[in-house]
């Protein structure tokens, strides 16, 4: 059914894109049959539905005293840069993650790790290392060792609605 909906929306010119400019990084690509996540790419209609939630959720962070900046989404570019530096360090201290196919989305101080990993991949260690990136509030694991059975995330091109990871 998702393909039918997607085809109909594409015919209406409702393509997906990253309206919120949320950082979306492909950090490894060793597993060739790993489907690409939709990541932050959504339709304009979905973006309009999410806009109020993003503003409200982003501002609550500041109002609740969890953020020094006025909106949680204002951290995302800074977090993405710190994440790149952290990954450079992890290339030497924890190189096994490079034998995966992973994407990381940064959205409202949350990192969502999506993709495919080997069965012996140290998820706990890798995700723990990502939690050490300054200002990251939460790390969400959406990885799989068996992509042929499906993936725990919306796939790029398969659907057009991509609810926020929150």
N, C-alpha and C. Protein backbone atom coordinates (compact mmCIF):
# COMPACT_ATOMS: atom_id res chain seq x y z
N UNK A 1 0.82 -1.20 0.00
CA UNK A 1 0.00 0.00 0.00
C UNK A 1 0.86 1.26 0.00
N UNK A 2 1.99 1.23 0.74
CA UNK A 2 2.85 2.42 0.79
C UNK A 2 3.35 2.80 -0.60
N UNK A 3 3.65 1.80 -1.42
CA UNK A 3 4.13 2.10 -2.76
C UNK A 3 3.04 2.78 -3.58
N UNK A 4 1.78 2.35 -3.40
CA UNK A 4 0.67 2.98 -4.12
C UNK A 4 0.51 4.43 -3.68
N UNK A 5 0.56 4.66 -2.38
CA UNK A 5 0.45 6.02 -1.86
C UNK A 5 1.62 6.85 -2.36
N UNK A 6 2.81 6.29 -2.30
CA UNK A 6 4.01 7.00 -2.75
C UNK A 6 3.88 7.37 -4.22
N UNK A 7 3.47 6.41 -5.04
CA UNK A 7 3.34 6.66 -6.48
C UNK A 7 2.31 7.76 -6.74
N UNK A 8 1.20 7.73 -6.01
CA UNK A 8 0.18 8.76 -6.19
C UNK A 8 0.70 10.13 -5.77
N UNK A 9 1.41 10.19 -4.65
CA UNK A 9 1.93 11.47 -4.20
C UNK A 9 3.03 11.99 -5.12
N UNK A 10 3.86 11.09 -5.64
CA UNK A 10 4.90 11.50 -6.58
C UNK A 10 4.26 12.05 -7.85
N UNK A 11 3.16 11.41 -8.29
CA UNK A 11 2.47 11.88 -9.49
C UNK A 11 1.90 13.28 -9.26
N UNK A 12 1.57 13.59 -8.01
CA UNK A 12 1.06 14.92 -7.68
C UNK A 12 2.19 15.92 -7.44
N UNK A 13 3.43 15.46 -7.62
CA UNK A 13 4.56 16.36 -7.43
C UNK A 13 4.99 16.49 -5.98
N UNK A 14 4.59 15.57 -5.12
CA UNK A 14 4.95 15.63 -3.71
C UNK A 14 6.22 14.81 -3.46
N UNK A 15 7.33 15.35 -3.84
CA UNK A 15 8.59 14.68 -3.61
C UNK A 15 9.04 14.92 -2.18
N UNK A 16 9.99 14.13 -1.74
CA UNK A 16 10.49 14.28 -0.37
C UNK A 16 11.77 15.10 -0.38
N UNK A 17 11.99 15.81 0.71
CA UNK A 17 13.24 16.53 0.90
C UNK A 17 13.42 16.85 2.38
N UNK A 18 14.56 17.35 2.72
CA UNK A 18 14.92 17.65 4.10
C UNK A 18 14.54 19.10 4.41
N UNK A 19 13.28 19.33 4.69
CA UNK A 19 12.77 20.69 4.92
C UNK A 19 13.39 21.35 6.14
N UNK A 20 13.70 20.58 7.17
CA UNK A 20 14.25 21.14 8.40
C UNK A 20 15.76 21.28 8.41
N UNK A 21 16.40 20.92 7.29
CA UNK A 21 17.87 20.95 7.20
C UNK A 21 18.53 20.18 8.34
N UNK A 22 17.90 19.07 8.72
CA UNK A 22 18.45 18.22 9.77
C UNK A 22 19.69 17.51 9.23
N UNK A 23 20.81 17.57 9.94
CA UNK A 23 22.00 16.86 9.46
C UNK A 23 21.71 15.36 9.30
N UNK A 24 22.16 14.82 8.19
CA UNK A 24 21.94 13.41 7.87
C UNK A 24 23.22 12.91 7.22
N UNK A 25 23.99 12.13 7.96
CA UNK A 25 25.32 11.74 7.55
C UNK A 25 25.40 10.25 7.23
N UNK A 26 25.94 9.93 6.07
CA UNK A 26 26.26 8.53 5.78
C UNK A 26 27.69 8.34 6.28
N UNK A 27 27.86 7.46 7.26
CA UNK A 27 29.18 7.35 7.89
C UNK A 27 29.94 6.09 7.47
N UNK A 28 29.25 5.09 6.90
CA UNK A 28 29.94 3.89 6.43
C UNK A 28 29.08 3.23 5.35
N UNK A 29 29.72 2.37 4.54
CA UNK A 29 28.98 1.75 3.45
C UNK A 29 29.56 0.40 3.06
N UNK A 30 29.92 -0.42 4.04
CA UNK A 30 30.55 -1.71 3.77
C UNK A 30 29.55 -2.82 3.44
N UNK A 31 28.30 -2.71 3.90
CA UNK A 31 27.29 -3.74 3.64
C UNK A 31 26.47 -3.28 2.45
N UNK A 32 26.65 -3.96 1.33
CA UNK A 32 26.09 -3.47 0.06
C UNK A 32 24.58 -3.60 -0.06
N UNK A 33 23.96 -4.56 0.61
CA UNK A 33 22.51 -4.76 0.46
C UNK A 33 21.71 -4.04 1.54
N UNK A 34 22.26 -3.00 2.11
CA UNK A 34 21.58 -2.26 3.18
C UNK A 34 20.77 -1.12 2.57
N UNK A 35 19.44 -1.14 2.75
CA UNK A 35 18.60 -0.07 2.18
C UNK A 35 18.87 1.30 2.82
N UNK A 36 18.89 2.31 1.99
CA UNK A 36 19.10 3.67 2.47
C UNK A 36 17.87 4.15 3.23
N UNK A 37 18.07 4.74 4.41
CA UNK A 37 16.93 5.28 5.16
C UNK A 37 16.37 6.55 4.51
N UNK A 38 15.10 6.80 4.76
CA UNK A 38 14.51 8.06 4.33
C UNK A 38 15.13 9.22 5.09
N UNK A 39 15.56 8.94 6.31
CA UNK A 39 16.18 9.99 7.12
C UNK A 39 15.21 11.14 7.34
N UNK A 40 15.67 12.37 7.22
CA UNK A 40 14.80 13.52 7.47
C UNK A 40 13.99 13.96 6.26
N UNK A 41 14.03 13.19 5.18
CA UNK A 41 13.33 13.59 3.95
C UNK A 41 11.84 13.25 4.06
N UNK A 42 11.01 14.26 3.93
CA UNK A 42 9.55 14.11 4.02
C UNK A 42 8.89 14.97 2.95
N UNK A 43 7.59 14.80 2.78
CA UNK A 43 6.86 15.63 1.82
C UNK A 43 6.58 17.00 2.45
N UNK A 44 6.24 17.94 1.61
CA UNK A 44 5.89 19.27 2.12
C UNK A 44 4.65 19.19 3.02
N UNK A 45 3.70 18.35 2.67
CA UNK A 45 2.50 18.20 3.50
C UNK A 45 2.87 17.67 4.89
N UNK A 46 3.76 16.67 4.94
CA UNK A 46 4.21 16.16 6.24
C UNK A 46 4.97 17.22 7.01
N UNK A 47 5.78 18.01 6.32
CA UNK A 47 6.52 19.08 6.96
C UNK A 47 5.57 20.08 7.62
N UNK A 48 4.51 20.44 6.91
CA UNK A 48 3.54 21.38 7.47
C UNK A 48 2.85 20.80 8.69
N UNK A 49 2.57 19.49 8.67
CA UNK A 49 1.97 18.84 9.84
C UNK A 49 2.92 18.80 11.03
N UNK A 50 4.22 18.65 10.76
CA UNK A 50 5.21 18.54 11.83
C UNK A 50 5.69 19.88 12.37
N UNK A 51 5.52 20.94 11.64
CA UNK A 51 6.10 22.23 12.00
C UNK A 51 5.72 22.68 13.40
N UNK A 52 4.46 22.59 13.76
CA UNK A 52 4.02 23.02 15.09
C UNK A 52 4.69 22.17 16.16
N UNK A 53 4.73 20.87 15.95
CA UNK A 53 5.36 19.97 16.92
C UNK A 53 6.84 20.30 17.09
N UNK A 54 7.53 20.56 16.00
CA UNK A 54 8.96 20.89 16.08
C UNK A 54 9.18 22.17 16.88
N UNK A 55 8.36 23.17 16.63
CA UNK A 55 8.51 24.42 17.36
C UNK A 55 8.24 24.21 18.84
N UNK A 56 7.14 23.53 19.12
CA UNK A 56 6.76 23.30 20.52
C UNK A 56 7.80 22.44 21.24
N UNK A 57 8.17 21.32 20.66
CA UNK A 57 9.15 20.43 21.29
C UNK A 57 10.51 21.12 21.43
N UNK A 58 10.92 21.82 20.40
CA UNK A 58 12.20 22.51 20.45
C UNK A 58 12.25 23.56 21.55
N UNK A 59 11.18 24.30 21.74
CA UNK A 59 11.13 25.35 22.76
C UNK A 59 11.00 24.78 24.17
N UNK A 60 10.35 23.63 24.32
CA UNK A 60 10.21 23.03 25.64
C UNK A 60 11.56 22.73 26.26
N UNK A 61 12.49 22.37 25.45
CA UNK A 61 13.84 22.07 25.92
C UNK A 61 14.39 23.26 26.72
N UNK A 62 14.24 24.45 26.18
CA UNK A 62 14.74 25.65 26.84
C UNK A 62 13.89 25.99 28.07
N UNK A 63 12.57 25.91 27.91
CA UNK A 63 11.67 26.26 29.01
C UNK A 63 11.83 25.31 30.20
N UNK A 64 12.19 24.07 29.94
CA UNK A 64 12.38 23.09 31.01
C UNK A 64 13.79 23.14 31.59
N UNK A 65 14.64 24.00 31.06
CA UNK A 65 15.99 24.14 31.58
C UNK A 65 16.96 23.07 31.08
N UNK A 66 16.59 22.32 30.05
CA UNK A 66 17.48 21.28 29.51
C UNK A 66 18.40 21.82 28.43
N UNK A 67 18.15 23.05 27.95
CA UNK A 67 18.94 23.63 26.86
C UNK A 67 19.39 25.03 27.22
N UNK A 68 20.60 25.37 26.79
CA UNK A 68 21.09 26.73 26.96
C UNK A 68 20.62 27.62 25.80
N UNK A 69 20.34 27.00 24.64
CA UNK A 69 19.83 27.73 23.48
C UNK A 69 18.30 27.70 23.50
N UNK A 70 17.68 28.62 22.79
CA UNK A 70 16.22 28.78 22.84
C UNK A 70 15.45 27.64 22.20
N UNK A 71 16.09 26.81 21.40
CA UNK A 71 15.38 25.74 20.71
C UNK A 71 16.34 24.56 20.53
N UNK A 72 15.87 23.35 20.81
CA UNK A 72 16.72 22.15 20.73
C UNK A 72 17.30 21.95 19.33
N UNK A 73 16.59 22.36 18.30
CA UNK A 73 17.07 22.17 16.93
C UNK A 73 18.23 23.10 16.58
N UNK A 74 18.45 24.15 17.38
CA UNK A 74 19.57 25.06 17.13
C UNK A 74 20.92 24.39 17.42
N UNK A 75 20.91 23.26 18.09
CA UNK A 75 22.13 22.52 18.41
C UNK A 75 22.60 21.62 17.26
N UNK A 76 21.72 21.31 16.34
CA UNK A 76 21.96 20.20 15.42
C UNK A 76 23.22 20.34 14.56
N UNK A 77 23.48 21.50 14.00
CA UNK A 77 24.68 21.67 13.17
C UNK A 77 25.95 21.52 14.02
N UNK A 78 25.92 22.10 15.20
CA UNK A 78 27.06 22.00 16.12
C UNK A 78 27.29 20.55 16.53
N UNK A 79 26.21 19.83 16.81
CA UNK A 79 26.32 18.41 17.17
C UNK A 79 26.88 17.61 16.00
N UNK A 80 26.42 17.91 14.79
CA UNK A 80 26.91 17.19 13.61
C UNK A 80 28.42 17.38 13.45
N UNK A 81 28.92 18.56 13.68
CA UNK A 81 30.37 18.80 13.59
C UNK A 81 31.11 18.03 14.68
N UNK A 82 30.60 18.07 15.90
CA UNK A 82 31.22 17.32 16.99
C UNK A 82 31.15 15.81 16.72
N UNK A 83 30.07 15.37 16.11
CA UNK A 83 29.91 13.96 15.76
C UNK A 83 30.98 13.55 14.75
N UNK A 84 31.24 14.37 13.77
CA UNK A 84 32.29 14.07 12.78
C UNK A 84 33.65 13.90 13.46
N UNK A 85 33.93 14.79 14.42
CA UNK A 85 35.20 14.69 15.14
C UNK A 85 35.25 13.40 15.98
N UNK A 86 34.13 13.07 16.60
CA UNK A 86 34.06 11.85 17.42
C UNK A 86 34.28 10.62 16.54
N UNK A 87 33.67 10.60 15.36
CA UNK A 87 33.84 9.47 14.45
C UNK A 87 35.28 9.34 13.97
N UNK A 88 35.97 10.48 13.79
CA UNK A 88 37.38 10.43 13.41
C UNK A 88 38.19 9.72 14.50
N UNK A 89 37.89 10.00 15.74
CA UNK A 89 38.57 9.32 16.85
C UNK A 89 38.20 7.84 16.88
N UNK A 90 36.92 7.54 16.68
CA UNK A 90 36.46 6.15 16.73
C UNK A 90 37.03 5.30 15.58
N UNK A 91 37.45 5.95 14.50
CA UNK A 91 38.09 5.19 13.41
C UNK A 91 39.33 4.46 13.91
N UNK A 92 39.97 5.03 14.92
CA UNK A 92 41.20 4.44 15.47
C UNK A 92 40.93 3.59 16.71
N UNK A 93 40.03 4.03 17.56
CA UNK A 93 39.81 3.33 18.83
C UNK A 93 38.76 2.23 18.75
N UNK A 94 37.87 2.30 17.77
CA UNK A 94 36.79 1.32 17.62
C UNK A 94 36.51 1.14 16.12
N UNK A 95 37.47 0.64 15.36
CA UNK A 95 37.36 0.63 13.90
C UNK A 95 36.29 -0.30 13.33
N UNK A 96 35.77 -1.23 14.10
CA UNK A 96 34.82 -2.22 13.56
C UNK A 96 33.55 -1.58 12.99
N UNK A 97 33.16 -0.40 13.46
CA UNK A 97 31.93 0.22 12.95
C UNK A 97 32.03 0.55 11.47
N UNK A 98 33.25 0.64 10.96
CA UNK A 98 33.43 0.96 9.54
C UNK A 98 33.07 -0.23 8.64
N UNK A 99 32.86 -1.41 9.22
CA UNK A 99 32.45 -2.60 8.46
C UNK A 99 30.92 -2.73 8.48
N UNK A 100 30.25 -1.61 8.52
CA UNK A 100 28.79 -1.53 8.56
C UNK A 100 28.34 -0.61 7.43
N UNK A 101 27.04 -0.40 7.33
CA UNK A 101 26.49 0.65 6.47
C UNK A 101 25.55 1.46 7.35
N UNK A 102 25.99 2.64 7.74
CA UNK A 102 25.27 3.43 8.72
C UNK A 102 25.05 4.87 8.27
N UNK A 103 23.91 5.38 8.68
CA UNK A 103 23.56 6.79 8.52
C UNK A 103 23.19 7.30 9.90
N UNK A 104 23.48 8.56 10.17
CA UNK A 104 23.08 9.18 11.44
C UNK A 104 22.33 10.46 11.13
N UNK A 105 21.13 10.55 11.71
CA UNK A 105 20.33 11.77 11.60
C UNK A 105 20.42 12.51 12.93
N UNK A 106 20.66 13.81 12.85
CA UNK A 106 20.70 14.67 14.04
C UNK A 106 19.44 15.51 14.00
N UNK A 107 18.63 15.40 15.05
CA UNK A 107 17.36 16.13 15.07
C UNK A 107 16.98 16.46 16.51
N UNK A 108 17.04 17.74 16.85
CA UNK A 108 16.60 18.17 18.18
C UNK A 108 17.40 17.56 19.31
N UNK A 109 18.72 17.48 19.14
CA UNK A 109 19.67 16.93 20.12
C UNK A 109 19.62 15.41 20.21
N UNK A 110 18.87 14.75 19.34
CA UNK A 110 18.81 13.29 19.30
C UNK A 110 19.58 12.80 18.08
N UNK A 111 20.32 11.72 18.27
CA UNK A 111 20.98 11.04 17.16
C UNK A 111 20.19 9.77 16.88
N UNK A 112 19.82 9.56 15.63
CA UNK A 112 19.17 8.32 15.22
C UNK A 112 20.14 7.61 14.29
N UNK A 113 20.60 6.43 14.72
CA UNK A 113 21.54 5.64 13.96
C UNK A 113 20.74 4.59 13.19
N UNK A 114 20.85 4.61 11.87
CA UNK A 114 20.07 3.72 11.01
C UNK A 114 21.00 2.99 10.07
N UNK A 115 20.67 1.73 9.79
CA UNK A 115 21.46 0.98 8.82
C UNK A 115 21.68 -0.46 9.23
N UNK A 116 22.76 -1.03 8.71
CA UNK A 116 23.04 -2.46 8.85
C UNK A 116 24.41 -2.67 9.47
N UNK A 117 24.47 -3.65 10.38
CA UNK A 117 25.71 -3.96 11.09
C UNK A 117 25.94 -5.46 11.06
N UNK A 118 27.18 -5.87 11.30
CA UNK A 118 27.52 -7.28 11.39
C UNK A 118 26.98 -7.85 12.70
N UNK A 119 26.81 -9.16 12.75
CA UNK A 119 26.25 -9.80 13.95
C UNK A 119 27.12 -9.59 15.18
N UNK A 120 28.42 -9.44 15.00
CA UNK A 120 29.32 -9.25 16.16
C UNK A 120 29.61 -7.77 16.44
N UNK A 121 28.85 -6.89 15.82
CA UNK A 121 29.05 -5.44 16.01
C UNK A 121 28.77 -5.06 17.46
N UNK A 122 29.64 -4.25 18.04
CA UNK A 122 29.50 -3.80 19.43
C UNK A 122 28.56 -2.59 19.47
N UNK A 123 27.25 -2.87 19.39
CA UNK A 123 26.26 -1.77 19.40
C UNK A 123 26.36 -0.94 20.66
N UNK A 124 26.40 -1.63 21.79
CA UNK A 124 26.41 -0.92 23.08
C UNK A 124 27.61 0.02 23.17
N UNK A 125 28.78 -0.45 22.79
CA UNK A 125 29.97 0.39 22.85
C UNK A 125 29.92 1.55 21.88
N UNK A 126 29.47 1.28 20.65
CA UNK A 126 29.42 2.32 19.63
C UNK A 126 28.38 3.38 20.00
N UNK A 127 27.18 2.95 20.38
CA UNK A 127 26.14 3.92 20.75
C UNK A 127 26.54 4.70 21.99
N UNK A 128 27.20 4.04 22.93
CA UNK A 128 27.69 4.73 24.13
C UNK A 128 28.71 5.81 23.76
N UNK A 129 29.57 5.51 22.80
CA UNK A 129 30.56 6.50 22.35
C UNK A 129 29.87 7.70 21.70
N UNK A 130 28.78 7.46 20.99
CA UNK A 130 28.05 8.57 20.38
C UNK A 130 27.35 9.42 21.43
N UNK A 131 26.94 8.80 22.55
CA UNK A 131 26.28 9.56 23.62
C UNK A 131 27.23 10.58 24.25
N UNK A 132 28.54 10.37 24.06
CA UNK A 132 29.53 11.28 24.63
C UNK A 132 29.70 12.57 23.84
N UNK A 133 29.07 12.65 22.68
CA UNK A 133 29.14 13.89 21.88
C UNK A 133 28.43 14.99 22.66
N UNK A 134 29.08 16.15 22.85
CA UNK A 134 28.46 17.23 23.62
C UNK A 134 27.07 17.61 23.12
N UNK A 135 26.17 17.85 24.05
CA UNK A 135 24.80 18.30 23.83
C UNK A 135 23.85 17.24 23.28
N UNK A 136 24.32 16.02 23.06
CA UNK A 136 23.43 14.94 22.62
C UNK A 136 22.60 14.50 23.82
N UNK A 137 21.29 14.51 23.63
CA UNK A 137 20.38 14.12 24.70
C UNK A 137 20.04 12.63 24.65
N UNK A 138 19.93 12.07 23.45
CA UNK A 138 19.53 10.66 23.31
C UNK A 138 20.09 10.10 22.01
N UNK A 139 20.42 8.79 22.04
CA UNK A 139 20.86 8.07 20.85
C UNK A 139 19.88 6.93 20.63
N UNK A 140 19.31 6.88 19.44
CA UNK A 140 18.30 5.86 19.10
C UNK A 140 18.93 4.87 18.12
N UNK A 141 18.80 3.60 18.42
CA UNK A 141 19.35 2.54 17.58
C UNK A 141 18.27 1.99 16.66
N UNK A 142 18.44 2.20 15.37
CA UNK A 142 17.56 1.62 14.36
C UNK A 142 18.42 0.87 13.35
N UNK A 143 19.20 -0.09 13.88
CA UNK A 143 20.07 -0.89 13.02
C UNK A 143 19.58 -2.33 13.00
N UNK A 144 20.08 -3.08 12.02
CA UNK A 144 19.72 -4.49 11.88
C UNK A 144 20.92 -5.29 11.42
N UNK A 145 20.93 -6.56 11.76
CA UNK A 145 21.94 -7.48 11.25
C UNK A 145 21.38 -8.30 10.09
N UNK A 146 20.09 -8.18 9.84
CA UNK A 146 19.43 -8.98 8.80
C UNK A 146 18.59 -8.10 7.88
N UNK A 147 19.21 -7.31 7.02
CA UNK A 147 18.44 -6.40 6.15
C UNK A 147 17.51 -7.12 5.19
N UNK A 148 17.79 -8.37 4.86
CA UNK A 148 16.92 -9.11 3.94
C UNK A 148 15.54 -9.35 4.56
N UNK A 149 15.45 -9.34 5.88
CA UNK A 149 14.17 -9.52 6.57
C UNK A 149 13.43 -8.21 6.80
N UNK A 150 14.05 -7.12 6.42
CA UNK A 150 13.45 -5.80 6.63
C UNK A 150 14.32 -4.96 7.53
N UNK A 151 14.03 -3.68 7.56
CA UNK A 151 14.81 -2.75 8.37
C UNK A 151 13.87 -1.99 9.31
N UNK A 152 14.41 -1.54 10.45
CA UNK A 152 13.57 -0.86 11.45
C UNK A 152 13.41 0.64 11.23
N UNK A 153 13.44 1.05 9.98
CA UNK A 153 13.31 2.48 9.65
C UNK A 153 12.64 2.62 8.29
N UNK A 154 12.03 3.77 8.03
CA UNK A 154 11.47 4.02 6.69
C UNK A 154 12.60 4.08 5.67
N UNK A 155 12.42 3.41 4.55
CA UNK A 155 13.43 3.36 3.50
C UNK A 155 13.24 4.50 2.50
N UNK A 156 14.33 5.04 2.03
CA UNK A 156 14.28 6.12 1.04
C UNK A 156 13.63 5.59 -0.23
N UNK A 157 12.63 6.32 -0.71
CA UNK A 157 11.95 5.94 -1.94
C UNK A 157 10.76 5.02 -1.74
N UNK A 158 10.65 4.38 -0.57
CA UNK A 158 9.55 3.45 -0.35
C UNK A 158 8.30 4.12 0.20
N UNK A 159 8.48 5.14 1.00
CA UNK A 159 7.31 5.84 1.54
C UNK A 159 7.62 7.32 1.67
N UNK A 160 6.61 8.08 1.85
CA UNK A 160 6.81 9.52 1.90
C UNK A 160 6.49 10.10 3.26
N UNK A 161 5.91 9.33 4.13
CA UNK A 161 5.68 9.85 5.46
C UNK A 161 6.76 9.30 6.36
N UNK A 162 7.43 10.18 7.04
CA UNK A 162 8.53 9.83 7.92
C UNK A 162 8.33 10.57 9.24
N UNK A 163 7.62 9.94 10.17
CA UNK A 163 7.38 10.63 11.44
C UNK A 163 8.70 10.91 12.16
N UNK A 164 8.76 11.96 12.92
CA UNK A 164 9.99 12.26 13.62
C UNK A 164 10.36 11.14 14.58
N UNK A 165 11.64 11.00 14.84
CA UNK A 165 12.14 9.94 15.71
C UNK A 165 11.69 10.15 17.15
N UNK A 166 11.22 11.29 17.48
CA UNK A 166 10.84 11.60 18.86
C UNK A 166 9.62 10.82 19.18
